[in-house]
């Protein structure tokens, strides 16, 4: 297997539970530092040991929120900050270690994801039931790149061209974009539609990104399209390919 194929395999494979983004807000319990007294002991302990503003407690993938026996998954999240056009907060996976009175939460690793949203008059509230998809989970993506990528996605959702002669795309890619536009128009794909953005290893002359978009025709959470975007030196952000992820 070539390095390129190995990279694509890693990107398209579903991430392990410890690295994945939190489940849908409706299936998780959110505990805040301000209401820590009502949180379980594990969560209260984490608030005492960290600067996190929220802890999410989510069921294992495929398990209902009320399932017993399966250990829940935990995520710690920082405060929302606004910098220019972007609202953001950090997110990291937690795991329970120890037993009995010594049981506590700790970071799974030092990996830090950053949830970002384009700022309006005010920053959206994280996990707001009225706008559960307001934030996009990003990995190694700058705020400037996030703004440019979301502007590109906005053009993709419309009917203008988001590619150039430097990045020709296949007819199948055009057909997928048409399906996504139709899904947005009839309400099957909620804004922003993009669930996560990953910076792909590239070079100083060619930065590369992968945008994960839910497949509206496969409502299962694992059904995704991956939109590959490139940014050449002094060139625009442009789509180079679209692939399907199971």
C-alpha atoms as a PDB file:
ATOM      1  CA  UNK A   1       0.000   0.000   0.000  1.00  0.00           C
ATOM      2  CA  UNK A   2       1.380   3.418  -0.981  1.00  0.00           C
ATOM      3  CA  UNK A   3       1.617   6.218   1.604  1.00  0.00           C
ATOM      4  CA  UNK A   4      -1.207   8.059  -0.167  1.00  0.00           C
ATOM      5  CA  UNK A   5      -3.525   5.055  -0.018  1.00  0.00           C
ATOM      6  CA  UNK A   6      -2.642   4.486   3.629  1.00  0.00           C
ATOM      7  CA  UNK A   7      -3.505   8.095   4.415  1.00  0.00           C
ATOM      8  CA  UNK A   8      -6.841   7.870   2.616  1.00  0.00           C
ATOM      9  CA  UNK A   9      -7.653   4.666   4.491  1.00  0.00           C
ATOM     10  CA  UNK A  10      -7.004   6.359   7.839  1.00  0.00           C
ATOM     11  CA  UNK A  11      -9.048   9.421   6.921  1.00  0.00           C
ATOM     12  CA  UNK A  12     -12.029   7.492   5.632  1.00  0.00           C
ATOM     13  CA  UNK A  13     -12.129   4.918   8.425  1.00  0.00           C
ATOM     14  CA  UNK A  14     -14.461   5.746  11.335  1.00  0.00           C
ATOM     15  CA  UNK A  15     -12.375   7.130  14.224  1.00  0.00           C
ATOM     16  CA  UNK A  16     -12.112   5.119  17.458  1.00  0.00           C
ATOM     17  CA  UNK A  17     -14.528   6.180  20.211  1.00  0.00           C
ATOM     18  CA  UNK A  18     -11.769   7.919  22.179  1.00  0.00           C
ATOM     19  CA  UNK A  19     -10.843  10.114  19.212  1.00  0.00           C
ATOM     20  CA  UNK A  20     -14.255  10.634  17.680  1.00  0.00           C
ATOM     21  CA  UNK A  21     -16.248  13.771  18.125  1.00  0.00           C
ATOM     22  CA  UNK A  22     -19.014  13.622  20.753  1.00  0.00           C
ATOM     23  CA  UNK A  23     -22.280  12.019  19.739  1.00  0.00           C
ATOM     24  CA  UNK A  24     -25.286  14.129  18.864  1.00  0.00           C
ATOM     25  CA  UNK A  25     -26.114  16.547  21.654  1.00  0.00           C
ATOM     26  CA  UNK A  26     -29.548  14.992  22.053  1.00  0.00           C
ATOM     27  CA  UNK A  27     -27.979  11.665  23.100  1.00  0.00           C
ATOM     28  CA  UNK A  28     -25.450  13.146  25.554  1.00  0.00           C
ATOM     29  CA  UNK A  29     -25.737  14.722  28.966  1.00  0.00           C
ATOM     30  CA  UNK A  30     -23.989  18.073  29.308  1.00  0.00           C
ATOM     31  CA  UNK A  31     -22.721  19.162  32.718  1.00  0.00           C
ATOM     32  CA  UNK A  32     -21.419  22.685  33.262  1.00  0.00           C
ATOM     33  CA  UNK A  33     -19.010  24.062  35.809  1.00  0.00           C
ATOM     34  CA  UNK A  34     -21.676  26.514  36.967  1.00  0.00           C
ATOM     35  CA  UNK A  35     -23.970  23.605  37.888  1.00  0.00           C
ATOM     36  CA  UNK A  36     -21.251  21.194  39.009  1.00  0.00           C
ATOM     37  CA  UNK A  37     -23.126  20.346  42.204  1.00  0.00           C
ATOM     38  CA  UNK A  38     -25.665  18.395  40.124  1.00  0.00           C
ATOM     39  CA  UNK A  39     -22.983  16.440  38.237  1.00  0.00           C
ATOM     40  CA  UNK A  40     -21.834  12.868  39.008  1.00  0.00           C
ATOM     41  CA  UNK A  41     -18.773  12.533  41.283  1.00  0.00           C
ATOM     42  CA  UNK A  42     -16.476  11.711  38.328  1.00  0.00           C
ATOM     43  CA  UNK A  43     -17.457  14.909  36.561  1.00  0.00           C
ATOM     44  CA  UNK A  44     -17.198  17.028  39.725  1.00  0.00           C
ATOM     45  CA  UNK A  45     -13.704  15.656  40.235  1.00  0.00           C
ATOM     46  CA  UNK A  46     -12.701  16.617  36.713  1.00  0.00           C
ATOM     47  CA  UNK A  47     -13.995  20.152  37.193  1.00  0.00           C
ATOM     48  CA  UNK A  48     -11.826  20.368  40.318  1.00  0.00           C
ATOM     49  CA  UNK A  49      -8.743  19.148  38.407  1.00  0.00           C
ATOM     50  CA  UNK A  50      -9.168  21.090  35.150  1.00  0.00           C
ATOM     51  CA  UNK A  51     -10.168  24.410  33.647  1.00  0.00           C
ATOM     52  CA  UNK A  52     -12.865  22.854  31.432  1.00  0.00           C
ATOM     53  CA  UNK A  53     -16.228  24.590  31.293  1.00  0.00           C
ATOM     54  CA  UNK A  54     -18.327  21.552  30.283  1.00  0.00           C
ATOM     55  CA  UNK A  55     -18.193  17.769  30.392  1.00  0.00           C
ATOM     56  CA  UNK A  56     -20.243  15.655  27.999  1.00  0.00           C
ATOM     57  CA  UNK A  57     -21.273  12.148  29.034  1.00  0.00           C
ATOM     58  CA  UNK A  58     -22.351  10.145  25.989  1.00  0.00           C
ATOM     59  CA  UNK A  59     -23.469   6.562  25.348  1.00  0.00           C
ATOM     60  CA  UNK A  60     -21.252   4.176  23.431  1.00  0.00           C
ATOM     61  CA  UNK A  61     -21.867   4.333  19.637  1.00  0.00           C
ATOM     62  CA  UNK A  62     -24.934   2.281  18.782  1.00  0.00           C
ATOM     63  CA  UNK A  63     -26.174   2.258  22.380  1.00  0.00           C
ATOM     64  CA  UNK A  64     -29.212   4.222  23.618  1.00  0.00           C
ATOM     65  CA  UNK A  65     -28.606   6.928  26.199  1.00  0.00           C
ATOM     66  CA  UNK A  66     -30.369   4.817  28.845  1.00  0.00           C
ATOM     67  CA  UNK A  67     -28.368   1.637  28.120  1.00  0.00           C
ATOM     68  CA  UNK A  68     -26.928  -0.029  31.197  1.00  0.00           C
ATOM     69  CA  UNK A  69     -23.692  -1.991  31.319  1.00  0.00           C
ATOM     70  CA  UNK A  70     -21.767  -0.144  28.591  1.00  0.00           C
ATOM     71  CA  UNK A  71     -19.312   2.394  30.016  1.00  0.00           C
ATOM     72  CA  UNK A  72     -20.161   5.940  28.862  1.00  0.00           C
ATOM     73  CA  UNK A  73     -17.779   8.144  26.901  1.00  0.00           C
ATOM     74  CA  UNK A  74     -16.590  11.485  28.259  1.00  0.00           C
ATOM     75  CA  UNK A  75     -15.437  14.724  26.643  1.00  0.00           C
ATOM     76  CA  UNK A  76     -14.102  17.843  28.307  1.00  0.00           C
ATOM     77  CA  UNK A  77     -14.741  21.214  26.658  1.00  0.00           C
ATOM     78  CA  UNK A  78     -13.350  24.690  27.225  1.00  0.00           C
ATOM     79  CA  UNK A  79     -15.049  28.077  27.317  1.00  0.00           C
ATOM     80  CA  UNK A  80     -16.308  29.650  24.098  1.00  0.00           C
ATOM     81  CA  UNK A  81     -14.044  32.418  22.830  1.00  0.00           C
ATOM     82  CA  UNK A  82     -14.513  34.783  19.895  1.00  0.00           C
ATOM     83  CA  UNK A  83     -11.621  35.870  17.708  1.00  0.00           C
ATOM     84  CA  UNK A  84     -12.644  37.972  14.734  1.00  0.00           C
ATOM     85  CA  UNK A  85     -15.088  36.036  12.576  1.00  0.00           C
ATOM     86  CA  UNK A  86     -14.772  32.764  14.499  1.00  0.00           C
ATOM     87  CA  UNK A  87     -16.250  31.433  17.750  1.00  0.00           C
ATOM     88  CA  UNK A  88     -14.480  28.377  19.130  1.00  0.00           C
ATOM     89  CA  UNK A  89     -13.855  26.086  22.070  1.00  0.00           C
ATOM     90  CA  UNK A  90     -11.438  23.230  22.657  1.00  0.00           C
ATOM     91  CA  UNK A  91     -12.595  19.612  23.044  1.00  0.00           C
ATOM     92  CA  UNK A  92     -10.729  16.520  24.220  1.00  0.00           C
ATOM     93  CA  UNK A  93     -11.612  12.938  25.027  1.00  0.00           C
ATOM     94  CA  UNK A  94     -11.538  11.777  28.659  1.00  0.00           C
ATOM     95  CA  UNK A  95     -11.453   8.312  30.148  1.00  0.00           C
ATOM     96  CA  UNK A  96     -12.244   6.933  33.604  1.00  0.00           C
ATOM     97  CA  UNK A  97      -9.355   5.285  35.445  1.00  0.00           C
ATOM     98  CA  UNK A  98      -8.942   3.716  38.864  1.00  0.00           C
ATOM     99  CA  UNK A  99     -11.598   2.121  41.023  1.00  0.00           C
ATOM    100  CA  UNK A 100     -13.862   2.890  43.945  1.00  0.00           C
ATOM    101  CA  UNK A 101     -12.863   6.102  45.750  1.00  0.00           C
ATOM    102  CA  UNK A 102      -9.782   6.516  43.530  1.00  0.00           C
ATOM    103  CA  UNK A 103     -11.816   6.498  40.300  1.00  0.00           C
ATOM    104  CA  UNK A 104     -11.318   9.691  38.296  1.00  0.00           C
ATOM    105  CA  UNK A 105     -11.279  11.141  34.793  1.00  0.00           C
ATOM    106  CA  UNK A 106      -8.115  11.930  32.856  1.00  0.00           C
ATOM    107  CA  UNK A 107      -7.210  13.022  29.337  1.00  0.00           C
ATOM    108  CA  UNK A 108      -6.944  10.172  26.814  1.00  0.00           C
ATOM    109  CA  UNK A 109      -4.018  11.946  25.115  1.00  0.00           C
ATOM    110  CA  UNK A 110      -2.812  15.458  24.396  1.00  0.00           C
ATOM    111  CA  UNK A 111      -4.789  15.709  21.149  1.00  0.00           C
ATOM    112  CA  UNK A 112      -6.903  18.840  21.085  1.00  0.00           C
ATOM    113  CA  UNK A 113      -9.801  19.294  18.705  1.00  0.00           C
ATOM    114  CA  UNK A 114     -11.261  22.764  18.227  1.00  0.00           C
ATOM    115  CA  UNK A 115     -14.971  23.264  17.603  1.00  0.00           C
ATOM    116  CA  UNK A 116     -15.491  26.334  15.400  1.00  0.00           C
ATOM    117  CA  UNK A 117     -18.451  28.346  14.152  1.00  0.00           C
ATOM    118  CA  UNK A 118     -18.748  31.483  12.075  1.00  0.00           C
ATOM    119  CA  UNK A 119     -19.608  34.297  14.441  1.00  0.00           C
ATOM    120  CA  UNK A 120     -22.879  36.139  14.135  1.00  0.00           C
ATOM    121  CA  UNK A 121     -24.005  38.921  16.433  1.00  0.00           C
ATOM    122  CA  UNK A 122     -23.218  36.537  19.299  1.00  0.00           C
ATOM    123  CA  UNK A 123     -21.460  33.177  19.534  1.00  0.00           C
ATOM    124  CA  UNK A 124     -23.803  30.170  19.359  1.00  0.00           C
ATOM    125  CA  UNK A 125     -24.254  28.223  22.578  1.00  0.00           C
ATOM    126  CA  UNK A 126     -22.547  24.804  22.409  1.00  0.00           C
ATOM    127  CA  UNK A 127     -24.971  21.893  22.063  1.00  0.00           C
ATOM    128  CA  UNK A 128     -27.965  24.179  21.769  1.00  0.00           C
ATOM    129  CA  UNK A 129     -31.041  22.074  21.023  1.00  0.00           C
ATOM    130  CA  UNK A 130     -32.254  24.778  18.625  1.00  0.00           C
ATOM    131  CA  UNK A 131     -28.991  24.670  16.625  1.00  0.00           C
ATOM    132  CA  UNK A 132     -27.202  21.376  17.406  1.00  0.00           C
ATOM    133  CA  UNK A 133     -24.925  21.631  14.343  1.00  0.00           C
ATOM    134  CA  UNK A 134     -23.731  25.202  14.843  1.00  0.00           C
ATOM    135  CA  UNK A 135     -20.135  24.150  15.568  1.00  0.00           C
ATOM    136  CA  UNK A 136     -17.826  22.140  13.302  1.00  0.00           C
ATOM    137  CA  UNK A 137     -15.130  19.985  14.925  1.00  0.00           C
ATOM    138  CA  UNK A 138     -11.724  20.812  13.415  1.00  0.00           C
ATOM    139  CA  UNK A 139      -8.321  19.173  13.626  1.00  0.00           C
ATOM    140  CA  UNK A 140      -5.160  21.199  12.952  1.00  0.00           C
ATOM    141  CA  UNK A 141      -7.129  23.887  11.089  1.00  0.00           C
ATOM    142  CA  UNK A 142      -6.394  27.608  11.535  1.00  0.00           C
ATOM    143  CA  UNK A 143      -9.205  30.092  12.028  1.00  0.00           C
ATOM    144  CA  UNK A 144      -8.373  31.794   8.727  1.00  0.00           C
ATOM    145  CA  UNK A 145      -8.519  28.449   6.911  1.00  0.00           C
ATOM    146  CA  UNK A 146     -11.829  27.626   8.610  1.00  0.00           C
ATOM    147  CA  UNK A 147     -13.393  30.871   7.384  1.00  0.00           C
ATOM    148  CA  UNK A 148     -12.147  30.249   3.837  1.00  0.00           C
ATOM    149  CA  UNK A 149     -13.331  26.623   3.857  1.00  0.00           C
ATOM    150  CA  UNK A 150     -16.793  27.561   5.112  1.00  0.00           C
ATOM    151  CA  UNK A 151     -17.017  30.249   2.419  1.00  0.00           C
ATOM    152  CA  UNK A 152     -16.099  27.575  -0.142  1.00  0.00           C
ATOM    153  CA  UNK A 153     -18.757  25.258   1.312  1.00  0.00           C
ATOM    154  CA  UNK A 154     -21.285  28.074   1.068  1.00  0.00           C
ATOM    155  CA  UNK A 155     -20.498  28.408  -2.641  1.00  0.00           C
ATOM    156  CA  UNK A 156     -20.748  24.644  -3.076  1.00  0.00           C
ATOM    157  CA  UNK A 157     -24.234  24.755  -1.569  1.00  0.00           C
ATOM    158  CA  UNK A 158     -25.215  27.384  -4.112  1.00  0.00           C
ATOM    159  CA  UNK A 159     -24.987  27.053  -7.859  1.00  0.00           C
ATOM    160  CA  UNK A 160     -21.763  28.906  -8.542  1.00  0.00           C
ATOM    161  CA  UNK A 161     -18.492  27.197  -9.401  1.00  0.00           C
ATOM    162  CA  UNK A 162     -16.163  26.391  -6.501  1.00  0.00           C
ATOM    163  CA  UNK A 163     -13.433  24.863  -8.642  1.00  0.00           C
ATOM    164  CA  UNK A 164     -11.012  26.179 -11.203  1.00  0.00           C
ATOM    165  CA  UNK A 165      -9.130  24.861 -14.206  1.00  0.00           C
ATOM    166  CA  UNK A 166      -6.300  23.972 -11.846  1.00  0.00           C
ATOM    167  CA  UNK A 167      -8.523  21.444 -10.094  1.00  0.00           C
ATOM    168  CA  UNK A 168     -10.828  19.750 -12.625  1.00  0.00           C
ATOM    169  CA  UNK A 169     -13.439  17.461 -11.056  1.00  0.00           C
ATOM    170  CA  UNK A 170     -15.225  14.421 -12.403  1.00  0.00           C
ATOM    171  CA  UNK A 171     -18.862  14.359 -13.449  1.00  0.00           C
ATOM    172  CA  UNK A 172     -19.596  12.149 -10.423  1.00  0.00           C
ATOM    173  CA  UNK A 173     -18.358  14.927  -8.130  1.00  0.00           C
ATOM    174  CA  UNK A 174     -20.698  17.420  -9.798  1.00  0.00           C
ATOM    175  CA  UNK A 175     -23.580  14.959  -9.348  1.00  0.00           C
ATOM    176  CA  UNK A 176     -22.819  14.561  -5.622  1.00  0.00           C
ATOM    177  CA  UNK A 177     -22.776  18.331  -5.164  1.00  0.00           C
ATOM    178  CA  UNK A 178     -26.167  18.545  -6.877  1.00  0.00           C
ATOM    179  CA  UNK A 179     -27.533  15.908  -4.448  1.00  0.00           C
ATOM    180  CA  UNK A 180     -26.178  17.842  -1.459  1.00  0.00           C
ATOM    181  CA  UNK A 181     -27.727  21.084  -2.711  1.00  0.00           C
ATOM    182  CA  UNK A 182     -31.090  19.357  -3.153  1.00  0.00           C
ATOM    183  CA  UNK A 183     -30.859  17.903   0.372  1.00  0.00           C
ATOM    184  CA  UNK A 184     -30.191  21.361   1.821  1.00  0.00           C
ATOM    185  CA  UNK A 185     -33.088  22.898  -0.085  1.00  0.00           C
ATOM    186  CA  UNK A 186     -35.609  20.299   1.105  1.00  0.00           C
ATOM    187  CA  UNK A 187     -34.331  20.291   4.709  1.00  0.00           C
ATOM    188  CA  UNK A 188     -32.705  16.838   4.795  1.00  0.00           C
ATOM    189  CA  UNK A 189     -29.260  18.347   5.404  1.00  0.00           C
ATOM    190  CA  UNK A 190     -29.119  20.919   8.193  1.00  0.00           C
ATOM    191  CA  UNK A 191     -26.756  23.869   8.192  1.00  0.00           C
ATOM    192  CA  UNK A 192     -23.832  23.955   8.235  1.00  0.00           C
ATOM    193  CA  UNK A 193     -23.809  20.334   6.978  1.00  0.00           C
ATOM    194  CA  UNK A 194     -20.069  19.924   7.536  1.00  0.00           C
ATOM    195  CA  UNK A 195     -19.441  17.889  10.697  1.00  0.00           C
ATOM    196  CA  UNK A 196     -15.629  18.007  10.872  1.00  0.00           C
ATOM    197  CA  UNK A 197     -12.627  19.377   8.997  1.00  0.00           C
ATOM    198  CA  UNK A 198      -9.224  17.690   9.052  1.00  0.00           C
ATOM    199  CA  UNK A 199      -5.954  19.169   7.806  1.00  0.00           C
ATOM    200  CA  UNK A 200      -4.321  16.565   5.572  1.00  0.00           C
ATOM    201  CA  UNK A 201      -0.511  16.378   5.386  1.00  0.00           C
ATOM    202  CA  UNK A 202       0.643  18.313   2.353  1.00  0.00           C
ATOM    203  CA  UNK A 203       3.410  20.832   1.700  1.00  0.00           C
ATOM    204  CA  UNK A 204       4.121  24.535   2.053  1.00  0.00           C
ATOM    205  CA  UNK A 205       3.126  24.961  -1.593  1.00  0.00           C
ATOM    206  CA  UNK A 206      -0.081  22.922  -1.378  1.00  0.00           C
ATOM    207  CA  UNK A 207      -2.204  22.733   1.757  1.00  0.00           C
ATOM    208  CA  UNK A 208      -4.887  20.063   1.821  1.00  0.00           C
ATOM    209  CA  UNK A 209      -8.058  19.532   3.857  1.00  0.00           C
ATOM    210  CA  UNK A 210     -10.860  16.984   4.168  1.00  0.00           C
ATOM    211  CA  UNK A 211     -14.404  18.170   4.915  1.00  0.00           C
ATOM    212  CA  UNK A 212     -16.774  15.501   6.237  1.00  0.00           C
ATOM    213  CA  UNK A 213     -20.418  15.987   5.234  1.00  0.00           C
ATOM    214  CA  UNK A 214     -23.301  13.734   6.233  1.00  0.00           C
ATOM    215  CA  UNK A 215     -24.787  11.776   3.355  1.00  0.00           C
ATOM    216  CA  UNK A 216     -28.456  12.834   3.423  1.00  0.00           C
ATOM    217  CA  UNK A 217     -29.472   9.665   1.608  1.00  0.00           C
ATOM    218  CA  UNK A 218     -27.880   7.479   4.309  1.00  0.00           C
ATOM    219  CA  UNK A 219     -29.295   8.803   7.585  1.00  0.00           C
ATOM    220  CA  UNK A 220     -27.078   6.484   9.662  1.00  0.00           C
ATOM    221  CA  UNK A 221     -24.376   8.532  11.398  1.00  0.00           C
ATOM    222  CA  UNK A 222     -21.571   6.679   9.598  1.00  0.00           C
ATOM    223  CA  UNK A 223     -22.733   7.687   6.108  1.00  0.00           C
ATOM    224  CA  UNK A 224     -20.413  10.488   4.995  1.00  0.00           C
ATOM    225  CA  UNK A 225     -19.057  12.265   1.961  1.00  0.00           C
ATOM    226  CA  UNK A 226     -15.463  13.483   2.212  1.00  0.00           C
ATOM    227  CA  UNK A 227     -14.801  16.641   0.202  1.00  0.00           C
ATOM    228  CA  UNK A 228     -11.082  17.086  -0.474  1.00  0.00           C
ATOM    229  CA  UNK A 229      -9.942  20.695  -0.785  1.00  0.00           C
ATOM    230  CA  UNK A 230      -6.568  22.067  -1.783  1.00  0.00           C
ATOM    231  CA  UNK A 231      -4.964  25.496  -1.453  1.00  0.00           C
ATOM    232  CA  UNK A 232      -1.962  26.126  -3.660  1.00  0.00           C
ATOM    233  CA  UNK A 233       0.466  28.941  -2.866  1.00  0.00           C
ATOM    234  CA  UNK A 234      -1.244  32.242  -3.751  1.00  0.00           C
ATOM    235  CA  UNK A 235      -4.138  30.252  -5.219  1.00  0.00           C
ATOM    236  CA  UNK A 236      -7.781  29.866  -4.134  1.00  0.00           C
ATOM    237  CA  UNK A 237      -9.281  27.106  -2.027  1.00  0.00           C
ATOM    238  CA  UNK A 238     -10.726  24.582  -4.480  1.00  0.00           C
ATOM    239  CA  UNK A 239     -12.293  21.135  -4.485  1.00  0.00           C
ATOM    240  CA  UNK A 240     -10.018  18.399  -5.812  1.00  0.00           C
ATOM    241  CA  UNK A 241     -12.201  15.337  -5.216  1.00  0.00           C
ATOM    242  CA  UNK A 242     -15.148  13.865  -3.313  1.00  0.00           C
ATOM    243  CA  UNK A 243     -15.208  10.359  -1.853  1.00  0.00           C
ATOM    244  CA  UNK A 244     -17.693   8.292   0.129  1.00  0.00           C
ATOM    245  CA  UNK A 245     -17.024   7.028   3.654  1.00  0.00           C
ATOM    246  CA  UNK A 246     -19.022   4.219   5.257  1.00  0.00           C
END
